[in-house]
């Protein structure tokens, strides 16, 4: 996040400069050698074309926002807390929901009919939390005060930033903060080694880690957790770069060469997120990786 006026504690001021954005089709083809996963190709192809841009001076947090910091905002604003703070209330709600659905199915069966049970999925859970959070006990999970806050949508992130006297970074600012004027694949360089550097799926555990737990993975400016940990919002809509066009990639499959031309998955109603997560491999934690998420 970047400051509007004075620089608050915990922020690092960067002078800005030239930054390389995106990736070349050749580099993407090398990443996807012998793969025909069109979903992944579509995401990566959205990084093209590689180009240079200029970034002005800005400031950005040395660490991701923690649960403890976000709690202060929740208390001050009266806004909805992240749903993973629901604790036992969420477990009880799921049990009650499934019991009610089962009873409806049994009642329908007795009457000679059928009932299509609703599932307890992300949408159901989100709907319950939106309508019920004020009526249940919630709090930061024990021992996770210094973990990066998650389950925060774009509007919540913008509101938190505004409350703290900050703003979300642009994608260009985020990339500059991650690698400066270099073309590093990751904040620390080009090595595909996550151990000690990033919380990605290669670590083998999705359990949250405190911010700053991977000091070997800091950016050239000393900014932590820009690879792995949790996805980070930027303020930019998920549109293609200027001059974008669908590229065609050739892969080997069953001894034959197969050409794939992915279709862009851009959506201007989405916002660009960066950095990857513990559920995804290093491929998603590359500085150039750009993905769109619903606001």
C-alpha atoms as a PDB file:
ATOM      1  CA  UNK A   1       0.000   0.000   0.000  1.00  0.00           C
ATOM      2  CA  UNK A   2       1.172   3.488  -0.745  1.00  0.00           C
ATOM      3  CA  UNK A   3       0.772   6.676   1.280  1.00  0.00           C
ATOM      4  CA  UNK A   4      -1.341   9.647   0.366  1.00  0.00           C
ATOM      5  CA  UNK A   5       0.582  12.185   2.422  1.00  0.00           C
ATOM      6  CA  UNK A   6       3.043  11.551   5.274  1.00  0.00           C
ATOM      7  CA  UNK A   7       4.758   8.166   5.377  1.00  0.00           C
ATOM      8  CA  UNK A   8       3.411   6.058   8.266  1.00  0.00           C
ATOM      9  CA  UNK A   9       5.655   3.696  10.266  1.00  0.00           C
ATOM     10  CA  UNK A  10       6.410   0.403   8.557  1.00  0.00           C
ATOM     11  CA  UNK A  11       6.454   1.895   5.059  1.00  0.00           C
ATOM     12  CA  UNK A  12       9.420   1.952   2.692  1.00  0.00           C
ATOM     13  CA  UNK A  13       9.825   4.917   0.369  1.00  0.00           C
ATOM     14  CA  UNK A  14      10.937   4.111  -3.180  1.00  0.00           C
ATOM     15  CA  UNK A  15      12.150   6.722  -5.652  1.00  0.00           C
ATOM     16  CA  UNK A  16      10.708   4.878  -8.629  1.00  0.00           C
ATOM     17  CA  UNK A  17      12.305   4.402 -12.042  1.00  0.00           C
ATOM     18  CA  UNK A  18      12.017   2.146 -15.085  1.00  0.00           C
ATOM     19  CA  UNK A  19      10.329  -1.192 -14.584  1.00  0.00           C
ATOM     20  CA  UNK A  20       9.976  -4.170 -16.925  1.00  0.00           C
ATOM     21  CA  UNK A  21       6.403  -5.408 -17.098  1.00  0.00           C
ATOM     22  CA  UNK A  22       5.158  -8.686 -18.482  1.00  0.00           C
ATOM     23  CA  UNK A  23       6.854 -11.627 -20.155  1.00  0.00           C
ATOM     24  CA  UNK A  24       7.820 -12.658 -23.681  1.00  0.00           C
ATOM     25  CA  UNK A  25       5.967 -15.492 -25.440  1.00  0.00           C
ATOM     26  CA  UNK A  26       9.307 -17.325 -25.707  1.00  0.00           C
ATOM     27  CA  UNK A  27       9.760 -17.289 -21.920  1.00  0.00           C
ATOM     28  CA  UNK A  28       6.194 -18.526 -21.421  1.00  0.00           C
ATOM     29  CA  UNK A  29       6.735 -21.377 -23.888  1.00  0.00           C
ATOM     30  CA  UNK A  30       9.804 -22.422 -21.895  1.00  0.00           C
ATOM     31  CA  UNK A  31       7.783 -22.392 -18.661  1.00  0.00           C
ATOM     32  CA  UNK A  32       5.088 -24.559 -20.226  1.00  0.00           C
ATOM     33  CA  UNK A  33       7.355 -27.105 -21.956  1.00  0.00           C
ATOM     34  CA  UNK A  34       5.463 -30.311 -22.803  1.00  0.00           C
ATOM     35  CA  UNK A  35       2.269 -28.937 -21.274  1.00  0.00           C
ATOM     36  CA  UNK A  36      -1.105 -28.423 -22.923  1.00  0.00           C
ATOM     37  CA  UNK A  37      -2.871 -27.065 -19.862  1.00  0.00           C
ATOM     38  CA  UNK A  38      -4.774 -24.354 -21.708  1.00  0.00           C
ATOM     39  CA  UNK A  39      -6.050 -22.837 -18.472  1.00  0.00           C
ATOM     40  CA  UNK A  40      -2.500 -22.173 -17.290  1.00  0.00           C
ATOM     41  CA  UNK A  41      -1.389 -20.995 -20.718  1.00  0.00           C
ATOM     42  CA  UNK A  42      -4.284 -18.546 -20.801  1.00  0.00           C
ATOM     43  CA  UNK A  43      -3.177 -16.998 -17.516  1.00  0.00           C
ATOM     44  CA  UNK A  44       0.479 -16.794 -18.532  1.00  0.00           C
ATOM     45  CA  UNK A  45      -0.289 -15.468 -21.999  1.00  0.00           C
ATOM     46  CA  UNK A  46      -2.014 -12.560 -20.265  1.00  0.00           C
ATOM     47  CA  UNK A  47       1.459 -11.367 -19.229  1.00  0.00           C
ATOM     48  CA  UNK A  48       2.416 -10.476 -22.802  1.00  0.00           C
ATOM     49  CA  UNK A  49       3.792  -8.380 -24.320  1.00  0.00           C
ATOM     50  CA  UNK A  50       6.878  -7.574 -22.284  1.00  0.00           C
ATOM     51  CA  UNK A  51       7.395  -3.819 -22.108  1.00  0.00           C
ATOM     52  CA  UNK A  52       9.044  -1.072 -20.108  1.00  0.00           C
ATOM     53  CA  UNK A  53       7.266   1.539 -18.034  1.00  0.00           C
ATOM     54  CA  UNK A  54       8.163   4.409 -15.758  1.00  0.00           C
ATOM     55  CA  UNK A  55       7.104   4.512 -12.114  1.00  0.00           C
ATOM     56  CA  UNK A  56       7.139   7.635  -9.969  1.00  0.00           C
ATOM     57  CA  UNK A  57       8.093   7.848  -6.302  1.00  0.00           C
ATOM     58  CA  UNK A  58       5.840   5.972  -3.874  1.00  0.00           C
ATOM     59  CA  UNK A  59       5.924   4.078  -0.598  1.00  0.00           C
ATOM     60  CA  UNK A  60       4.860   0.537   0.207  1.00  0.00           C
ATOM     61  CA  UNK A  61       4.584  -1.564   3.360  1.00  0.00           C
ATOM     62  CA  UNK A  62       7.633  -3.561   4.416  1.00  0.00           C
ATOM     63  CA  UNK A  63       5.289  -6.365   5.484  1.00  0.00           C
ATOM     64  CA  UNK A  64       1.807  -7.529   4.563  1.00  0.00           C
ATOM     65  CA  UNK A  65      -1.053  -6.296   6.764  1.00  0.00           C
ATOM     66  CA  UNK A  66      -1.471  -8.617   9.749  1.00  0.00           C
ATOM     67  CA  UNK A  67      -4.626  -9.892  11.401  1.00  0.00           C
ATOM     68  CA  UNK A  68      -3.802  -7.785  14.442  1.00  0.00           C
ATOM     69  CA  UNK A  69      -3.533  -4.614  12.360  1.00  0.00           C
ATOM     70  CA  UNK A  70      -6.752  -5.381  10.512  1.00  0.00           C
ATOM     71  CA  UNK A  71      -8.560  -5.974  13.818  1.00  0.00           C
ATOM     72  CA  UNK A  72      -7.912  -2.356  14.781  1.00  0.00           C
ATOM     73  CA  UNK A  73      -9.641  -1.276  11.586  1.00  0.00           C
ATOM     74  CA  UNK A  74     -12.584  -3.634  12.163  1.00  0.00           C
ATOM     75  CA  UNK A  75     -13.087  -2.280  15.678  1.00  0.00           C
ATOM     76  CA  UNK A  76     -12.800   1.346  14.594  1.00  0.00           C
ATOM     77  CA  UNK A  77     -15.046   1.089  11.539  1.00  0.00           C
ATOM     78  CA  UNK A  78     -17.524  -1.574  12.609  1.00  0.00           C
ATOM     79  CA  UNK A  79     -16.961  -3.353   9.314  1.00  0.00           C
ATOM     80  CA  UNK A  80     -17.368  -7.075   8.718  1.00  0.00           C
ATOM     81  CA  UNK A  81     -14.343  -9.139   9.851  1.00  0.00           C
ATOM     82  CA  UNK A  82     -12.775 -11.815   7.599  1.00  0.00           C
ATOM     83  CA  UNK A  83     -14.825 -15.016   7.547  1.00  0.00           C
ATOM     84  CA  UNK A  84     -11.914 -17.151   8.753  1.00  0.00           C
ATOM     85  CA  UNK A  85     -12.301 -15.336  12.079  1.00  0.00           C
ATOM     86  CA  UNK A  86     -15.690 -17.026  12.586  1.00  0.00           C
ATOM     87  CA  UNK A  87     -14.192 -19.986  14.454  1.00  0.00           C
ATOM     88  CA  UNK A  88     -16.698 -22.320  16.134  1.00  0.00           C
ATOM     89  CA  UNK A  89     -19.623 -20.272  14.862  1.00  0.00           C
ATOM     90  CA  UNK A  90     -18.802 -21.353  11.318  1.00  0.00           C
ATOM     91  CA  UNK A  91     -18.600 -25.017  12.290  1.00  0.00           C
ATOM     92  CA  UNK A  92     -21.932 -24.794  14.110  1.00  0.00           C
ATOM     93  CA  UNK A  93     -23.553 -23.002  11.182  1.00  0.00           C
ATOM     94  CA  UNK A  94     -22.410 -25.669   8.742  1.00  0.00           C
ATOM     95  CA  UNK A  95     -23.721 -28.455  10.986  1.00  0.00           C
ATOM     96  CA  UNK A  96     -27.092 -26.698  11.371  1.00  0.00           C
ATOM     97  CA  UNK A  97     -27.332 -26.098   7.632  1.00  0.00           C
ATOM     98  CA  UNK A  98     -26.620 -29.733   6.722  1.00  0.00           C
ATOM     99  CA  UNK A  99     -29.053 -30.975   9.375  1.00  0.00           C
ATOM    100  CA  UNK A 100     -31.815 -28.734   8.037  1.00  0.00           C
ATOM    101  CA  UNK A 101     -31.187 -29.902   4.465  1.00  0.00           C
ATOM    102  CA  UNK A 102     -31.312 -33.528   5.587  1.00  0.00           C
ATOM    103  CA  UNK A 103     -34.612 -32.974   7.379  1.00  0.00           C
ATOM    104  CA  UNK A 104     -36.084 -31.331   4.289  1.00  0.00           C
ATOM    105  CA  UNK A 105     -35.019 -34.300   2.164  1.00  0.00           C
ATOM    106  CA  UNK A 106     -36.537 -36.784   4.622  1.00  0.00           C
ATOM    107  CA  UNK A 107     -39.799 -34.841   4.785  1.00  0.00           C
ATOM    108  CA  UNK A 108     -40.045 -34.755   0.994  1.00  0.00           C
ATOM    109  CA  UNK A 109     -39.382 -38.497   0.809  1.00  0.00           C
ATOM    110  CA  UNK A 110     -42.193 -39.261   3.275  1.00  0.00           C
ATOM    111  CA  UNK A 111     -44.576 -37.355   1.062  1.00  0.00           C
ATOM    112  CA  UNK A 112     -43.435 -39.312  -1.984  1.00  0.00           C
ATOM    113  CA  UNK A 113     -41.430 -36.499  -3.441  1.00  0.00           C
ATOM    114  CA  UNK A 114     -37.803 -35.507  -3.710  1.00  0.00           C
ATOM    115  CA  UNK A 115     -35.742 -32.593  -2.502  1.00  0.00           C
ATOM    116  CA  UNK A 116     -32.575 -31.330  -4.123  1.00  0.00           C
ATOM    117  CA  UNK A 117     -30.302 -30.638  -1.174  1.00  0.00           C
ATOM    118  CA  UNK A 118     -28.334 -27.433  -1.226  1.00  0.00           C
ATOM    119  CA  UNK A 119     -24.611 -27.765  -0.713  1.00  0.00           C
ATOM    120  CA  UNK A 120     -22.494 -26.011   1.877  1.00  0.00           C
ATOM    121  CA  UNK A 121     -19.966 -24.429  -0.455  1.00  0.00           C
ATOM    122  CA  UNK A 122     -18.060 -21.150  -0.670  1.00  0.00           C
ATOM    123  CA  UNK A 123     -21.113 -19.259  -1.881  1.00  0.00           C
ATOM    124  CA  UNK A 124     -23.303 -20.630   0.918  1.00  0.00           C
ATOM    125  CA  UNK A 125     -20.649 -19.925   3.515  1.00  0.00           C
ATOM    126  CA  UNK A 126     -20.130 -16.379   2.263  1.00  0.00           C
ATOM    127  CA  UNK A 127     -23.856 -15.701   2.282  1.00  0.00           C
ATOM    128  CA  UNK A 128     -24.146 -16.964   5.863  1.00  0.00           C
ATOM    129  CA  UNK A 129     -21.219 -14.840   7.043  1.00  0.00           C
ATOM    130  CA  UNK A 130     -22.525 -11.706   5.330  1.00  0.00           C
ATOM    131  CA  UNK A 131     -25.871 -12.003   7.111  1.00  0.00           C
ATOM    132  CA  UNK A 132     -24.807 -13.478  10.458  1.00  0.00           C
ATOM    133  CA  UNK A 133     -21.431 -12.093  11.525  1.00  0.00           C
ATOM    134  CA  UNK A 134     -22.949  -9.501  13.829  1.00  0.00           C
ATOM    135  CA  UNK A 135     -24.877 -12.154  15.748  1.00  0.00           C
ATOM    136  CA  UNK A 136     -22.056 -14.599  16.538  1.00  0.00           C
ATOM    137  CA  UNK A 137     -18.795 -14.630  18.449  1.00  0.00           C
ATOM    138  CA  UNK A 138     -15.744 -14.103  16.257  1.00  0.00           C
ATOM    139  CA  UNK A 139     -12.081 -13.291  16.665  1.00  0.00           C
ATOM    140  CA  UNK A 140      -8.586 -13.787  15.279  1.00  0.00           C
ATOM    141  CA  UNK A 141      -7.751 -17.527  15.422  1.00  0.00           C
ATOM    142  CA  UNK A 142      -5.516 -18.252  18.394  1.00  0.00           C
ATOM    143  CA  UNK A 143      -1.850 -17.661  17.598  1.00  0.00           C
ATOM    144  CA  UNK A 144      -2.537 -15.983  14.239  1.00  0.00           C
ATOM    145  CA  UNK A 145      -2.262 -12.345  15.288  1.00  0.00           C
ATOM    146  CA  UNK A 146       0.909 -11.819  13.246  1.00  0.00           C
ATOM    147  CA  UNK A 147      -0.284 -13.794  10.217  1.00  0.00           C
ATOM    148  CA  UNK A 148      -1.181 -11.869   7.030  1.00  0.00           C
ATOM    149  CA  UNK A 149      -4.875 -11.045   6.924  1.00  0.00           C
ATOM    150  CA  UNK A 150      -6.824 -13.004   4.311  1.00  0.00           C
ATOM    151  CA  UNK A 151     -10.445 -13.316   3.108  1.00  0.00           C
ATOM    152  CA  UNK A 152     -10.441  -9.567   2.465  1.00  0.00           C
ATOM    153  CA  UNK A 153     -12.144  -8.494  -0.765  1.00  0.00           C
ATOM    154  CA  UNK A 154     -11.092  -5.558  -2.907  1.00  0.00           C
ATOM    155  CA  UNK A 155     -13.535  -3.085  -1.395  1.00  0.00           C
ATOM    156  CA  UNK A 156     -12.452  -4.048   2.121  1.00  0.00           C
ATOM    157  CA  UNK A 157      -8.807  -3.610   1.130  1.00  0.00           C
ATOM    158  CA  UNK A 158      -9.533  -0.156  -0.300  1.00  0.00           C
ATOM    159  CA  UNK A 159     -11.479   0.821   2.823  1.00  0.00           C
ATOM    160  CA  UNK A 160      -8.714  -0.381   5.124  1.00  0.00           C
ATOM    161  CA  UNK A 161      -6.123   1.524   3.129  1.00  0.00           C
ATOM    162  CA  UNK A 162      -8.207   4.689   3.219  1.00  0.00           C
ATOM    163  CA  UNK A 163      -8.708   4.325   6.987  1.00  0.00           C
ATOM    164  CA  UNK A 164      -4.938   3.936   7.446  1.00  0.00           C
ATOM    165  CA  UNK A 165      -4.165   6.947   5.235  1.00  0.00           C
ATOM    166  CA  UNK A 166      -2.888   4.751   2.419  1.00  0.00           C
ATOM    167  CA  UNK A 167      -3.909   3.486  -1.002  1.00  0.00           C
ATOM    168  CA  UNK A 168      -3.436   0.254  -2.904  1.00  0.00           C
ATOM    169  CA  UNK A 169      -0.430   0.162  -5.264  1.00  0.00           C
ATOM    170  CA  UNK A 170      -0.768   0.036  -9.016  1.00  0.00           C
ATOM    171  CA  UNK A 171       0.457  -3.134 -10.723  1.00  0.00           C
ATOM    172  CA  UNK A 172       3.515  -1.257 -11.988  1.00  0.00           C
ATOM    173  CA  UNK A 173       4.351  -0.015  -8.490  1.00  0.00           C
ATOM    174  CA  UNK A 174       3.942  -3.521  -7.099  1.00  0.00           C
ATOM    175  CA  UNK A 175       6.292  -4.990  -9.714  1.00  0.00           C
ATOM    176  CA  UNK A 176       8.866  -2.247  -9.127  1.00  0.00           C
ATOM    177  CA  UNK A 177       8.736  -2.886  -5.371  1.00  0.00           C
ATOM    178  CA  UNK A 178       9.277  -6.599  -6.055  1.00  0.00           C
ATOM    179  CA  UNK A 179      12.319  -6.355  -8.365  1.00  0.00           C
ATOM    180  CA  UNK A 180      13.180  -2.729  -9.094  1.00  0.00           C
ATOM    181  CA  UNK A 181      14.696  -2.151 -12.539  1.00  0.00           C
ATOM    182  CA  UNK A 182      15.848  -5.787 -12.842  1.00  0.00           C
ATOM    183  CA  UNK A 183      14.197  -8.623 -14.766  1.00  0.00           C
ATOM    184  CA  UNK A 184      14.261 -11.067 -11.848  1.00  0.00           C
ATOM    185  CA  UNK A 185      11.773 -13.925 -12.063  1.00  0.00           C
ATOM    186  CA  UNK A 186      11.289 -13.679  -8.295  1.00  0.00           C
ATOM    187  CA  UNK A 187      12.029 -10.885  -5.813  1.00  0.00           C
ATOM    188  CA  UNK A 188      15.315 -12.607  -4.850  1.00  0.00           C
ATOM    189  CA  UNK A 189      16.478 -13.503  -8.354  1.00  0.00           C
ATOM    190  CA  UNK A 190      15.861 -16.290 -10.865  1.00  0.00           C
ATOM    191  CA  UNK A 191      16.330 -19.423  -8.722  1.00  0.00           C
ATOM    192  CA  UNK A 192      13.315 -21.776  -8.579  1.00  0.00           C
ATOM    193  CA  UNK A 193      13.933 -22.641  -4.921  1.00  0.00           C
ATOM    194  CA  UNK A 194      11.207 -21.768  -2.431  1.00  0.00           C
ATOM    195  CA  UNK A 195      12.757 -23.109   0.780  1.00  0.00           C
ATOM    196  CA  UNK A 196      13.550 -20.173   3.033  1.00  0.00           C
ATOM    197  CA  UNK A 197      12.309 -17.723   0.413  1.00  0.00           C
ATOM    198  CA  UNK A 198       8.579 -18.083  -0.141  1.00  0.00           C
ATOM    199  CA  UNK A 199       5.481 -19.741   1.287  1.00  0.00           C
ATOM    200  CA  UNK A 200       4.252 -21.646  -1.757  1.00  0.00           C
ATOM    201  CA  UNK A 201       2.987 -25.208  -2.238  1.00  0.00           C
ATOM    202  CA  UNK A 202       6.591 -26.433  -2.546  1.00  0.00           C
ATOM    203  CA  UNK A 203       6.930 -25.904   1.213  1.00  0.00           C
ATOM    204  CA  UNK A 204       4.350 -28.660   1.771  1.00  0.00           C
ATOM    205  CA  UNK A 205       2.152 -26.818   4.280  1.00  0.00           C
ATOM    206  CA  UNK A 206      -0.694 -24.375   3.807  1.00  0.00           C
ATOM    207  CA  UNK A 207      -0.640 -23.398   7.485  1.00  0.00           C
ATOM    208  CA  UNK A 208      -0.264 -19.615   7.740  1.00  0.00           C
ATOM    209  CA  UNK A 209       3.119 -18.193   8.680  1.00  0.00           C
ATOM    210  CA  UNK A 210       3.796 -14.870  10.411  1.00  0.00           C
ATOM    211  CA  UNK A 211       4.698 -12.013   8.090  1.00  0.00           C
ATOM    212  CA  UNK A 212       8.429 -11.802   7.480  1.00  0.00           C
ATOM    213  CA  UNK A 213       8.998 -15.548   7.999  1.00  0.00           C
ATOM    214  CA  UNK A 214      11.015 -15.862   4.775  1.00  0.00           C
ATOM    215  CA  UNK A 215      13.807 -13.259   5.025  1.00  0.00           C
ATOM    216  CA  UNK A 216      15.819 -14.849   2.195  1.00  0.00           C
ATOM    217  CA  UNK A 217      13.014 -13.945  -0.198  1.00  0.00           C
ATOM    218  CA  UNK A 218      12.933 -10.177   0.342  1.00  0.00           C
ATOM    219  CA  UNK A 219      12.901  -7.850  -2.628  1.00  0.00           C
ATOM    220  CA  UNK A 220      15.921  -5.667  -3.477  1.00  0.00           C
ATOM    221  CA  UNK A 221      14.321  -2.984  -1.274  1.00  0.00           C
ATOM    222  CA  UNK A 222      13.854  -5.250   1.743  1.00  0.00           C
ATOM    223  CA  UNK A 223      10.119  -5.839   1.241  1.00  0.00           C
ATOM    224  CA  UNK A 224       8.882  -9.191   2.529  1.00  0.00           C
ATOM    225  CA  UNK A 225       6.468 -11.846   1.229  1.00  0.00           C
ATOM    226  CA  UNK A 226       6.018 -10.574  -2.304  1.00  0.00           C
ATOM    227  CA  UNK A 227       6.208 -14.196  -3.466  1.00  0.00           C
ATOM    228  CA  UNK A 228       3.869 -16.708  -1.847  1.00  0.00           C
ATOM    229  CA  UNK A 229       2.044 -16.044   1.439  1.00  0.00           C
ATOM    230  CA  UNK A 230      -1.294 -14.468   0.381  1.00  0.00           C
ATOM    231  CA  UNK A 231      -2.468 -12.882  -2.868  1.00  0.00           C
ATOM    232  CA  UNK A 232      -2.127  -9.096  -2.753  1.00  0.00           C
ATOM    233  CA  UNK A 233      -4.590  -6.643  -4.273  1.00  0.00           C
ATOM    234  CA  UNK A 234      -3.573  -3.866  -6.648  1.00  0.00           C
ATOM    235  CA  UNK A 235      -5.825  -1.026  -7.718  1.00  0.00           C
ATOM    236  CA  UNK A 236      -5.711  -1.860 -11.447  1.00  0.00           C
ATOM    237  CA  UNK A 237      -8.484  -3.604 -13.425  1.00  0.00           C
ATOM    238  CA  UNK A 238      -7.560  -6.928 -15.007  1.00  0.00           C
ATOM    239  CA  UNK A 239      -7.146  -5.774 -18.594  1.00  0.00           C
ATOM    240  CA  UNK A 240      -4.580  -6.710 -21.222  1.00  0.00           C
ATOM    241  CA  UNK A 241      -1.405  -4.711 -21.664  1.00  0.00           C
ATOM    242  CA  UNK A 242      -1.307  -2.234 -24.537  1.00  0.00           C
ATOM    243  CA  UNK A 243      -0.589  -4.135 -27.742  1.00  0.00           C
ATOM    244  CA  UNK A 244      -1.742  -7.495 -26.355  1.00  0.00           C
ATOM    245  CA  UNK A 245      -2.660 -10.184 -28.865  1.00  0.00           C
ATOM    246  CA  UNK A 246      -3.269 -13.893 -28.413  1.00  0.00           C
ATOM    247  CA  UNK A 247      -0.078 -15.847 -29.038  1.00  0.00           C
ATOM    248  CA  UNK A 248       0.213 -19.352 -30.457  1.00  0.00           C
ATOM    249  CA  UNK A 249       2.318 -21.928 -28.601  1.00  0.00           C
ATOM    250  CA  UNK A 250       3.598 -25.261 -29.894  1.00  0.00           C
ATOM    251  CA  UNK A 251       3.986 -28.251 -27.555  1.00  0.00           C
ATOM    252  CA  UNK A 252       4.916 -31.886 -27.953  1.00  0.00           C
ATOM    253  CA  UNK A 253       2.136 -34.345 -27.166  1.00  0.00           C
ATOM    254  CA  UNK A 254       2.276 -38.086 -27.827  1.00  0.00           C
ATOM    255  CA  UNK A 255       5.166 -37.598 -30.196  1.00  0.00           C
ATOM    256  CA  UNK A 256       3.370 -34.937 -32.170  1.00  0.00           C
ATOM    257  CA  UNK A 257       3.484 -31.160 -32.130  1.00  0.00           C
ATOM    258  CA  UNK A 258       0.313 -29.474 -31.043  1.00  0.00           C
ATOM    259  CA  UNK A 259      -0.435 -25.765 -31.427  1.00  0.00           C
ATOM    260  CA  UNK A 260      -2.458 -23.920 -28.813  1.00  0.00           C
ATOM    261  CA  UNK A 261      -3.792 -20.374 -29.123  1.00  0.00           C
ATOM    262  CA  UNK A 262      -5.287 -19.446 -25.743  1.00  0.00           C
ATOM    263  CA  UNK A 263      -8.132 -16.972 -25.527  1.00  0.00           C
ATOM    264  CA  UNK A 264      -7.635 -14.025 -23.197  1.00  0.00           C
ATOM    265  CA  UNK A 265      -9.491 -14.226 -19.898  1.00  0.00           C
ATOM    266  CA  UNK A 266      -9.363 -10.516 -19.095  1.00  0.00           C
ATOM    267  CA  UNK A 267     -12.221  -8.934 -17.194  1.00  0.00           C
ATOM    268  CA  UNK A 268     -12.219  -5.213 -16.477  1.00  0.00           C
ATOM    269  CA  UNK A 269     -14.587  -5.758 -13.554  1.00  0.00           C
ATOM    270  CA  UNK A 270     -11.896  -7.800 -11.801  1.00  0.00           C
ATOM    271  CA  UNK A 271      -8.811  -6.383 -10.084  1.00  0.00           C
ATOM    272  CA  UNK A 272      -5.235  -7.586 -10.536  1.00  0.00           C
ATOM    273  CA  UNK A 273      -3.799  -9.658  -7.697  1.00  0.00           C
ATOM    274  CA  UNK A 274      -0.118 -10.478  -7.334  1.00  0.00           C
ATOM    275  CA  UNK A 275       2.231 -12.738  -5.422  1.00  0.00           C
ATOM    276  CA  UNK A 276       0.713 -16.219  -5.352  1.00  0.00           C
ATOM    277  CA  UNK A 277      -0.287 -18.227  -2.281  1.00  0.00           C
ATOM    278  CA  UNK A 278       0.556 -21.341  -0.197  1.00  0.00           C
ATOM    279  CA  UNK A 279      -1.926 -23.352  -2.286  1.00  0.00           C
ATOM    280  CA  UNK A 280      -0.074 -22.667  -5.536  1.00  0.00           C
ATOM    281  CA  UNK A 281       3.437 -23.454  -6.849  1.00  0.00           C
ATOM    282  CA  UNK A 282       6.257 -21.029  -7.543  1.00  0.00           C
ATOM    283  CA  UNK A 283       4.921 -20.545 -11.064  1.00  0.00           C
ATOM    284  CA  UNK A 284       2.176 -18.375  -9.565  1.00  0.00           C
ATOM    285  CA  UNK A 285       4.659 -16.512  -7.345  1.00  0.00           C
ATOM    286  CA  UNK A 286       6.673 -15.070 -10.231  1.00  0.00           C
ATOM    287  CA  UNK A 287       6.834 -11.274 -10.225  1.00  0.00           C
ATOM    288  CA  UNK A 288       5.259 -11.176 -13.710  1.00  0.00           C
ATOM    289  CA  UNK A 289       2.304 -13.412 -12.833  1.00  0.00           C
ATOM    290  CA  UNK A 290      -0.905 -11.408 -13.002  1.00  0.00           C
ATOM    291  CA  UNK A 291      -4.320 -12.772 -12.196  1.00  0.00           C
ATOM    292  CA  UNK A 292      -7.755 -11.251 -11.949  1.00  0.00           C
ATOM    293  CA  UNK A 293     -10.044 -11.592  -8.944  1.00  0.00           C
ATOM    294  CA  UNK A 294     -13.611 -10.490  -8.317  1.00  0.00           C
ATOM    295  CA  UNK A 295     -13.943  -7.268  -6.431  1.00  0.00           C
END
